[in-house]
Amino acid sequence: MHCPNSGQLGEDLVAQWLQSTGWVILHRRFSSRWGEIDIIAEYARKAEGTSGELRTQHSILIFVEVKTRSSGSWDAGGRSAITLQKQAKICHTAEIFLAEYPEKADCSCRFDVAIVYCQRIPKNLIGVTANQEALATSSVHGYKLKLQEYIPAAFDSLIDNG
């Protein structure tokens, strides 16, 4: 059973979670001829200047690929869909983003992956069910979405483990 608009709902959940942890969403579904990046966000570290004022010290940009799947999906919850070809497309698209926004060129960049599970909420569900803890959850139109895993610098770890 597939969650309607599951990709969009999963991206919404991840964007909300990122914002709640201090990230600023710069773009959603940024497209180029190479492909699309689901979420681009920035986190600016603040440091105190010599006269006590807060100033931005260093910004980090993240390019986030969101994979939303129903339980029991065939592709390891979306992990195996992040092929080397997919990573290359996202990297090229990130380069185009940085060319369009040269003021972001000095930021550190990272490629992250978010794994979201979508499941139908049974109409006869009574009481509380135990399940694996999630980073964030939401319920929309009879479906429950769970941000099950967030993998910072995922391309590095996927290549190492691939």
N, C-alpha and C. Protein backbone atom coordinates (compact mmCIF):
# COMPACT_ATOMS: atom_id res chain seq x y z
N MET A 1 0.84 -1.17 0.00
CA MET A 1 0.00 0.00 0.00
C MET A 1 0.89 1.24 0.00
N HIS A 2 0.69 2.11 -0.96
CA HIS A 2 1.54 3.29 -1.08
C HIS A 2 0.86 4.52 -0.50
N CYS A 3 1.64 5.33 0.16
CA CYS A 3 1.19 6.58 0.73
C CYS A 3 1.01 7.58 -0.42
N PRO A 4 -0.16 8.23 -0.53
CA PRO A 4 -0.34 9.20 -1.60
C PRO A 4 0.59 10.39 -1.41
N ASN A 5 1.22 10.83 -2.50
CA ASN A 5 2.18 11.94 -2.42
C ASN A 5 3.26 11.70 -1.36
N SER A 6 3.68 10.46 -1.22
CA SER A 6 4.60 10.12 -0.14
C SER A 6 5.92 10.89 -0.22
N GLY A 7 6.41 11.12 -1.42
CA GLY A 7 7.66 11.87 -1.56
C GLY A 7 7.53 13.27 -1.00
N GLN A 8 6.47 13.96 -1.39
CA GLN A 8 6.23 15.33 -0.91
C GLN A 8 6.03 15.35 0.60
N LEU A 9 5.23 14.40 1.13
CA LEU A 9 4.98 14.35 2.57
C LEU A 9 6.25 14.05 3.35
N GLY A 10 7.07 13.15 2.82
CA GLY A 10 8.35 12.84 3.47
C GLY A 10 9.28 14.04 3.48
N GLU A 11 9.34 14.76 2.36
CA GLU A 11 10.16 15.96 2.29
C GLU A 11 9.66 17.03 3.26
N ASP A 12 8.33 17.17 3.37
CA ASP A 12 7.76 18.13 4.33
C ASP A 12 8.20 17.81 5.75
N LEU A 13 8.13 16.52 6.11
CA LEU A 13 8.52 16.11 7.46
C LEU A 13 10.00 16.41 7.72
N VAL A 14 10.86 16.08 6.76
CA VAL A 14 12.30 16.32 6.93
C VAL A 14 12.59 17.82 7.01
N ALA A 15 11.94 18.62 6.17
CA ALA A 15 12.15 20.08 6.19
C ALA A 15 11.73 20.65 7.54
N GLN A 16 10.60 20.21 8.06
CA GLN A 16 10.14 20.69 9.37
C GLN A 16 11.13 20.29 10.47
N TRP A 17 11.62 19.05 10.41
CA TRP A 17 12.57 18.59 11.41
C TRP A 17 13.87 19.40 11.33
N LEU A 18 14.37 19.63 10.12
CA LEU A 18 15.60 20.42 9.96
C LEU A 18 15.41 21.82 10.54
N GLN A 19 14.29 22.46 10.23
CA GLN A 19 14.02 23.79 10.76
C GLN A 19 13.98 23.78 12.29
N SER A 20 13.41 22.73 12.87
CA SER A 20 13.31 22.66 14.33
C SER A 20 14.68 22.47 14.98
N THR A 21 15.68 22.06 14.20
CA THR A 21 17.02 21.88 14.74
C THR A 21 17.97 23.01 14.34
N GLY A 22 17.41 24.11 13.80
CA GLY A 22 18.22 25.29 13.52
C GLY A 22 18.62 25.53 12.08
N TRP A 23 18.24 24.66 11.18
CA TRP A 23 18.57 24.83 9.77
C TRP A 23 17.58 25.78 9.10
N VAL A 24 18.04 26.52 8.12
CA VAL A 24 17.19 27.39 7.31
C VAL A 24 17.05 26.73 5.94
N ILE A 25 15.80 26.48 5.53
CA ILE A 25 15.56 25.85 4.23
C ILE A 25 15.72 26.91 3.15
N LEU A 26 16.67 26.70 2.23
CA LEU A 26 16.90 27.63 1.14
C LEU A 26 16.08 27.27 -0.09
N HIS A 27 15.98 25.99 -0.38
CA HIS A 27 15.23 25.53 -1.56
C HIS A 27 14.63 24.16 -1.31
N ARG A 28 13.50 23.93 -1.95
CA ARG A 28 12.88 22.61 -2.00
C ARG A 28 12.78 22.23 -3.47
N ARG A 29 13.16 21.01 -3.77
CA ARG A 29 13.11 20.48 -5.14
C ARG A 29 13.83 21.39 -6.15
N PHE A 30 15.06 21.71 -5.84
CA PHE A 30 15.89 22.50 -6.74
C PHE A 30 16.23 21.64 -7.95
N SER A 31 15.92 22.13 -9.15
CA SER A 31 16.10 21.34 -10.37
C SER A 31 17.14 21.94 -11.30
N SER A 32 17.82 21.07 -11.99
CA SER A 32 18.71 21.45 -13.08
C SER A 32 18.57 20.38 -14.16
N ARG A 33 19.29 20.54 -15.22
CA ARG A 33 19.22 19.52 -16.28
C ARG A 33 19.81 18.19 -15.81
N TRP A 34 20.61 18.23 -14.74
CA TRP A 34 21.23 17.01 -14.22
C TRP A 34 20.31 16.23 -13.31
N GLY A 35 19.41 16.95 -12.64
CA GLY A 35 18.54 16.25 -11.70
C GLY A 35 17.92 17.22 -10.72
N GLU A 36 17.53 16.67 -9.58
CA GLU A 36 16.82 17.46 -8.57
C GLU A 36 17.40 17.16 -7.19
N ILE A 37 17.43 18.20 -6.36
CA ILE A 37 17.82 18.04 -4.97
C ILE A 37 16.57 18.33 -4.15
N ASP A 38 16.21 17.40 -3.28
CA ASP A 38 14.96 17.52 -2.52
C ASP A 38 14.96 18.74 -1.60
N ILE A 39 16.02 18.90 -0.81
CA ILE A 39 16.09 20.00 0.15
C ILE A 39 17.53 20.55 0.16
N ILE A 40 17.63 21.87 0.13
CA ILE A 40 18.92 22.54 0.34
C ILE A 40 18.72 23.43 1.55
N ALA A 41 19.58 23.25 2.55
CA ALA A 41 19.44 24.02 3.80
C ALA A 41 20.80 24.56 4.23
N GLU A 42 20.75 25.58 5.08
CA GLU A 42 21.97 26.22 5.56
C GLU A 42 21.90 26.35 7.08
N TYR A 43 23.04 26.15 7.70
CA TYR A 43 23.17 26.35 9.14
C TYR A 43 24.34 27.30 9.34
N ALA A 44 24.06 28.43 9.95
CA ALA A 44 25.11 29.42 10.19
C ALA A 44 25.56 29.34 11.64
N ARG A 45 26.81 29.05 11.85
CA ARG A 45 27.37 29.03 13.20
C ARG A 45 27.64 30.47 13.61
N LYS A 46 27.24 30.79 14.80
CA LYS A 46 27.46 32.15 15.32
C LYS A 46 28.65 32.15 16.26
N ALA A 47 29.40 33.23 16.21
CA ALA A 47 30.54 33.40 17.11
C ALA A 47 30.52 34.82 17.63
N GLU A 48 31.04 35.00 18.81
CA GLU A 48 31.08 36.32 19.40
C GLU A 48 32.31 37.06 18.88
N GLY A 49 32.08 38.28 18.40
CA GLY A 49 33.18 39.10 17.91
C GLY A 49 33.96 39.72 19.05
N THR A 50 35.01 40.46 18.73
CA THR A 50 35.87 41.06 19.75
C THR A 50 35.14 42.09 20.60
N SER A 51 34.12 42.74 20.05
CA SER A 51 33.38 43.74 20.84
C SER A 51 32.07 43.17 21.39
N GLY A 52 31.93 41.85 21.41
CA GLY A 52 30.79 41.21 22.04
C GLY A 52 29.59 40.96 21.12
N GLU A 53 29.63 41.47 19.90
CA GLU A 53 28.50 41.25 18.99
C GLU A 53 28.56 39.84 18.39
N LEU A 54 27.37 39.31 18.08
CA LEU A 54 27.32 38.00 17.42
C LEU A 54 27.51 38.21 15.92
N ARG A 55 28.31 37.38 15.33
CA ARG A 55 28.49 37.45 13.88
C ARG A 55 28.53 36.03 13.34
N THR A 56 28.19 35.90 12.08
CA THR A 56 28.23 34.59 11.45
C THR A 56 29.68 34.21 11.22
N GLN A 57 30.06 33.05 11.75
CA GLN A 57 31.45 32.62 11.61
C GLN A 57 31.61 31.73 10.38
N HIS A 58 30.74 30.75 10.23
CA HIS A 58 30.91 29.79 9.16
C HIS A 58 29.56 29.14 8.86
N SER A 59 29.23 29.03 7.61
CA SER A 59 27.97 28.40 7.24
C SER A 59 28.22 27.03 6.62
N ILE A 60 27.26 26.15 6.85
CA ILE A 60 27.29 24.82 6.26
C ILE A 60 26.05 24.69 5.38
N LEU A 61 26.23 24.19 4.18
CA LEU A 61 25.12 23.88 3.29
C LEU A 61 24.95 22.37 3.26
N ILE A 62 23.69 21.94 3.31
CA ILE A 62 23.43 20.51 3.12
C ILE A 62 22.51 20.34 1.93
N PHE A 63 22.80 19.33 1.16
CA PHE A 63 21.99 18.92 0.02
C PHE A 63 21.40 17.57 0.43
N VAL A 64 20.08 17.55 0.64
CA VAL A 64 19.44 16.39 1.26
C VAL A 64 18.60 15.62 0.26
N GLU A 65 18.86 14.34 0.16
CA GLU A 65 18.05 13.41 -0.62
C GLU A 65 17.12 12.70 0.35
N VAL A 66 15.83 12.81 0.12
CA VAL A 66 14.83 12.19 1.00
C VAL A 66 14.27 10.96 0.30
N LYS A 67 14.30 9.84 0.99
CA LYS A 67 13.72 8.60 0.48
C LYS A 67 12.57 8.20 1.39
N THR A 68 11.37 8.19 0.82
CA THR A 68 10.17 7.83 1.59
C THR A 68 9.68 6.49 1.07
N ARG A 69 9.54 5.54 1.96
CA ARG A 69 9.15 4.19 1.58
C ARG A 69 8.13 3.65 2.56
N SER A 70 7.34 2.69 2.08
CA SER A 70 6.45 1.95 2.99
C SER A 70 7.27 0.84 3.63
N SER A 71 6.80 0.31 4.74
CA SER A 71 7.57 -0.74 5.40
C SER A 71 7.66 -1.96 4.49
N GLY A 72 8.77 -2.64 4.55
CA GLY A 72 8.99 -3.83 3.72
C GLY A 72 9.38 -3.51 2.29
N SER A 73 9.81 -2.28 2.03
CA SER A 73 10.20 -1.94 0.66
C SER A 73 11.40 -2.77 0.22
N TRP A 74 11.51 -2.97 -1.05
CA TRP A 74 12.53 -3.85 -1.62
C TRP A 74 13.92 -3.24 -1.63
N ASP A 75 14.04 -1.92 -1.45
CA ASP A 75 15.33 -1.28 -1.65
C ASP A 75 15.97 -0.75 -0.37
N ALA A 76 15.90 -1.55 0.68
CA ALA A 76 16.55 -1.22 1.96
C ALA A 76 16.12 0.14 2.47
N GLY A 77 14.83 0.39 2.42
CA GLY A 77 14.29 1.65 2.90
C GLY A 77 14.69 2.85 2.07
N GLY A 78 15.17 2.63 0.86
CA GLY A 78 15.58 3.72 -0.02
C GLY A 78 17.08 3.84 -0.16
N ARG A 79 17.82 3.18 0.72
CA ARG A 79 19.29 3.28 0.67
C ARG A 79 19.87 2.82 -0.68
N SER A 80 19.40 1.70 -1.18
CA SER A 80 19.98 1.18 -2.42
C SER A 80 19.58 1.99 -3.66
N ALA A 81 18.64 2.93 -3.49
CA ALA A 81 18.28 3.81 -4.60
C ALA A 81 19.28 4.95 -4.77
N ILE A 82 20.19 5.11 -3.82
CA ILE A 82 21.20 6.16 -3.89
C ILE A 82 22.45 5.56 -4.56
N THR A 83 22.33 5.30 -5.82
CA THR A 83 23.43 4.71 -6.59
C THR A 83 24.53 5.74 -6.83
N LEU A 84 25.66 5.28 -7.32
CA LEU A 84 26.74 6.22 -7.68
C LEU A 84 26.27 7.18 -8.76
N GLN A 85 25.44 6.71 -9.69
CA GLN A 85 24.91 7.58 -10.74
C GLN A 85 24.01 8.66 -10.13
N LYS A 86 23.17 8.28 -9.17
CA LYS A 86 22.29 9.23 -8.49
C LYS A 86 23.12 10.25 -7.72
N GLN A 87 24.16 9.79 -7.04
CA GLN A 87 25.04 10.69 -6.31
C GLN A 87 25.69 11.69 -7.26
N ALA A 88 26.14 11.23 -8.42
CA ALA A 88 26.77 12.11 -9.41
C ALA A 88 25.79 13.17 -9.89
N LYS A 89 24.54 12.79 -10.13
CA LYS A 89 23.52 13.75 -10.57
C LYS A 89 23.29 14.81 -9.49
N ILE A 90 23.21 14.38 -8.25
CA ILE A 90 22.99 15.33 -7.15
C ILE A 90 24.19 16.26 -7.02
N CYS A 91 25.40 15.73 -7.15
CA CYS A 91 26.61 16.56 -7.06
C CYS A 91 26.64 17.60 -8.18
N HIS A 92 26.31 17.19 -9.41
CA HIS A 92 26.26 18.14 -10.53
C HIS A 92 25.21 19.22 -10.27
N THR A 93 24.07 18.81 -9.77
CA THR A 93 23.00 19.77 -9.47
C THR A 93 23.44 20.73 -8.37
N ALA A 94 24.17 20.24 -7.38
CA ALA A 94 24.70 21.11 -6.32
C ALA A 94 25.68 22.13 -6.90
N GLU A 95 26.51 21.70 -7.84
CA GLU A 95 27.44 22.63 -8.50
C GLU A 95 26.68 23.73 -9.22
N ILE A 96 25.59 23.39 -9.87
CA ILE A 96 24.77 24.39 -10.56
C ILE A 96 24.15 25.35 -9.55
N PHE A 97 23.67 24.82 -8.42
CA PHE A 97 23.13 25.67 -7.37
C PHE A 97 24.20 26.67 -6.92
N LEU A 98 25.41 26.20 -6.66
CA LEU A 98 26.47 27.08 -6.19
C LEU A 98 26.86 28.11 -7.25
N ALA A 99 26.78 27.75 -8.52
CA ALA A 99 27.06 28.71 -9.60
C ALA A 99 25.96 29.78 -9.65
N GLU A 100 24.71 29.40 -9.38
CA GLU A 100 23.60 30.36 -9.39
C GLU A 100 23.60 31.24 -8.14
N TYR A 101 24.18 30.75 -7.06
CA TYR A 101 24.24 31.49 -5.80
C TYR A 101 25.69 31.59 -5.33
N PRO A 102 26.50 32.41 -6.03
CA PRO A 102 27.94 32.46 -5.72
C PRO A 102 28.24 32.92 -4.29
N GLU A 103 27.30 33.62 -3.64
CA GLU A 103 27.52 34.04 -2.26
C GLU A 103 27.57 32.85 -1.31
N LYS A 104 27.15 31.68 -1.77
CA LYS A 104 27.19 30.45 -0.95
C LYS A 104 28.44 29.61 -1.25
N ALA A 105 29.26 30.05 -2.19
CA ALA A 105 30.40 29.24 -2.64
C ALA A 105 31.43 28.98 -1.55
N ASP A 106 31.51 29.84 -0.54
CA ASP A 106 32.51 29.65 0.52
C ASP A 106 32.00 28.76 1.65
N CYS A 107 30.76 28.34 1.58
CA CYS A 107 30.19 27.48 2.62
C CYS A 107 30.75 26.06 2.50
N SER A 108 30.87 25.40 3.63
CA SER A 108 31.17 23.96 3.60
C SER A 108 29.92 23.27 3.09
N CYS A 109 30.09 22.22 2.31
CA CYS A 109 28.95 21.50 1.74
C CYS A 109 28.97 20.04 2.17
N ARG A 110 27.77 19.50 2.31
CA ARG A 110 27.60 18.11 2.74
C ARG A 110 26.39 17.53 2.03
N PHE A 111 26.45 16.23 1.75
CA PHE A 111 25.35 15.53 1.10
C PHE A 111 24.77 14.53 2.10
N ASP A 112 23.51 14.76 2.50
CA ASP A 112 22.85 13.95 3.51
C ASP A 112 21.71 13.16 2.89
N VAL A 113 21.31 12.09 3.56
CA VAL A 113 20.17 11.28 3.14
C VAL A 113 19.24 11.12 4.34
N ALA A 114 17.94 11.29 4.08
CA ALA A 114 16.93 11.08 5.11
C ALA A 114 16.05 9.91 4.68
N ILE A 115 15.84 8.98 5.60
CA ILE A 115 15.00 7.81 5.34
C ILE A 115 13.70 8.00 6.11
N VAL A 116 12.59 8.05 5.37
CA VAL A 116 11.26 8.26 5.96
C VAL A 116 10.40 7.05 5.63
N TYR A 117 9.70 6.53 6.64
CA TYR A 117 8.75 5.43 6.43
C TYR A 117 7.34 5.98 6.47
N CYS A 118 6.52 5.48 5.56
CA CYS A 118 5.12 5.89 5.49
C CYS A 118 4.26 4.64 5.64
N GLN A 119 3.28 4.71 6.53
CA GLN A 119 2.39 3.56 6.70
C GLN A 119 0.97 4.04 6.96
N ARG A 120 0.02 3.26 6.49
CA ARG A 120 -1.39 3.56 6.72
C ARG A 120 -1.70 3.31 8.18
N ILE A 121 -2.48 4.21 8.77
CA ILE A 121 -2.93 4.03 10.15
C ILE A 121 -4.22 3.22 10.09
N PRO A 122 -4.21 2.01 10.65
CA PRO A 122 -5.42 1.18 10.62
C PRO A 122 -6.58 1.88 11.33
N LYS A 123 -7.76 1.78 10.73
CA LYS A 123 -8.95 2.43 11.32
C LYS A 123 -9.32 1.83 12.66
N ASN A 124 -8.99 0.57 12.87
CA ASN A 124 -9.35 -0.09 14.13
C ASN A 124 -8.21 -0.08 15.15
N LEU A 125 -7.23 0.80 14.96
CA LEU A 125 -6.10 0.88 15.88
C LEU A 125 -6.59 1.39 17.24
N ILE A 126 -6.35 0.61 18.25
CA ILE A 126 -6.74 0.98 19.61
C ILE A 126 -5.51 0.86 20.49
N GLY A 127 -5.25 1.88 21.29
CA GLY A 127 -4.12 1.84 22.21
C GLY A 127 -2.83 2.27 21.54
N VAL A 128 -1.75 2.00 22.22
CA VAL A 128 -0.43 2.41 21.77
C VAL A 128 0.34 1.18 21.31
N THR A 129 1.02 1.33 20.19
CA THR A 129 1.86 0.23 19.70
C THR A 129 3.32 0.62 19.86
N ALA A 130 4.15 -0.33 20.19
CA ALA A 130 5.58 -0.09 20.35
C ALA A 130 6.25 -0.25 18.99
N ASN A 131 7.17 0.64 18.69
CA ASN A 131 7.95 0.51 17.47
C ASN A 131 9.27 1.24 17.65
N GLN A 132 10.11 1.13 16.64
CA GLN A 132 11.42 1.75 16.70
C GLN A 132 11.27 3.27 16.80
N GLU A 133 12.07 3.89 17.63
CA GLU A 133 11.99 5.32 17.83
C GLU A 133 12.32 6.07 16.55
N ALA A 134 11.62 7.18 16.33
CA ALA A 134 11.84 8.00 15.15
C ALA A 134 12.37 9.37 15.56
N LEU A 135 13.10 10.04 14.66
CA LEU A 135 13.60 11.38 14.92
C LEU A 135 12.45 12.39 14.90
N ALA A 136 11.47 12.14 14.03
CA ALA A 136 10.30 13.00 13.92
C ALA A 136 9.17 12.19 13.32
N THR A 137 7.93 12.57 13.63
CA THR A 137 6.77 11.88 13.08
C THR A 137 5.71 12.90 12.70
N SER A 138 4.83 12.50 11.80
CA SER A 138 3.64 13.29 11.50
C SER A 138 2.57 12.34 10.99
N SER A 139 1.32 12.75 11.14
CA SER A 139 0.20 11.97 10.62
C SER A 139 -0.58 12.86 9.67
N VAL A 140 -0.83 12.35 8.46
CA VAL A 140 -1.53 13.11 7.44
C VAL A 140 -2.47 12.19 6.69
N HIS A 141 -3.76 12.54 6.65
CA HIS A 141 -4.76 11.83 5.84
C HIS A 141 -4.73 10.31 6.03
N GLY A 142 -4.67 9.87 7.28
CA GLY A 142 -4.71 8.44 7.57
C GLY A 142 -3.38 7.72 7.40
N TYR A 143 -2.29 8.47 7.26
CA TYR A 143 -0.96 7.88 7.13
C TYR A 143 -0.05 8.45 8.19
N LYS A 144 0.86 7.62 8.67
CA LYS A 144 1.86 8.06 9.63
C LYS A 144 3.20 8.05 8.93
N LEU A 145 3.92 9.15 9.05
CA LEU A 145 5.26 9.25 8.49
C LEU A 145 6.25 9.35 9.64
N LYS A 146 7.37 8.64 9.51
CA LYS A 146 8.41 8.65 10.54
C LYS A 146 9.76 8.91 9.88
N LEU A 147 10.45 9.94 10.36
CA LEU A 147 11.83 10.16 9.95
C LEU A 147 12.65 9.16 10.75
N GLN A 148 12.93 8.04 10.13
CA GLN A 148 13.54 6.91 10.83
C GLN A 148 15.05 7.07 10.97
N GLU A 149 15.66 7.67 9.95
CA GLU A 149 17.12 7.76 9.97
C GLU A 149 17.56 8.99 9.19
N TYR A 150 18.53 9.70 9.73
CA TYR A 150 19.12 10.84 9.04
C TYR A 150 20.61 10.59 8.98
N ILE A 151 21.17 10.56 7.77
CA ILE A 151 22.57 10.17 7.57
C ILE A 151 23.36 11.38 7.07
N PRO A 152 24.09 12.07 7.98
CA PRO A 152 24.94 13.17 7.53
C PRO A 152 26.11 12.64 6.72
N ALA A 153 26.54 13.41 5.73
CA ALA A 153 27.66 13.01 4.86
C ALA A 153 27.45 11.60 4.34
N ALA A 154 26.25 11.33 3.91
CA ALA A 154 25.84 9.97 3.52
C ALA A 154 26.59 9.45 2.32
N PHE A 155 26.92 10.31 1.38
CA PHE A 155 27.59 9.81 0.18
C PHE A 155 28.92 9.19 0.55
N ASP A 156 29.62 9.78 1.53
CA ASP A 156 30.89 9.19 1.99
C ASP A 156 30.66 7.80 2.56
N SER A 157 29.64 7.67 3.42
CA SER A 157 29.40 6.38 4.07
C SER A 157 28.81 5.36 3.10
N LEU A 158 28.00 5.82 2.14
CA LEU A 158 27.44 4.87 1.16
C LEU A 158 28.53 4.33 0.25
N ILE A 159 29.49 5.18 -0.11
CA ILE A 159 30.60 4.72 -0.95
C ILE A 159 31.47 3.75 -0.16
N ASP A 160 31.76 4.10 1.11
CA ASP A 160 32.59 3.23 1.95
C ASP A 160 31.93 1.87 2.18
N ASN A 161 30.60 1.85 2.36
CA ASN A 161 29.88 0.62 2.65
C ASN A 161 29.37 -0.07 1.40
N GLY A 162 29.44 0.62 0.24
CA GLY A 162 28.86 0.10 -0.99
C GLY A 162 29.65 -1.03 -1.50
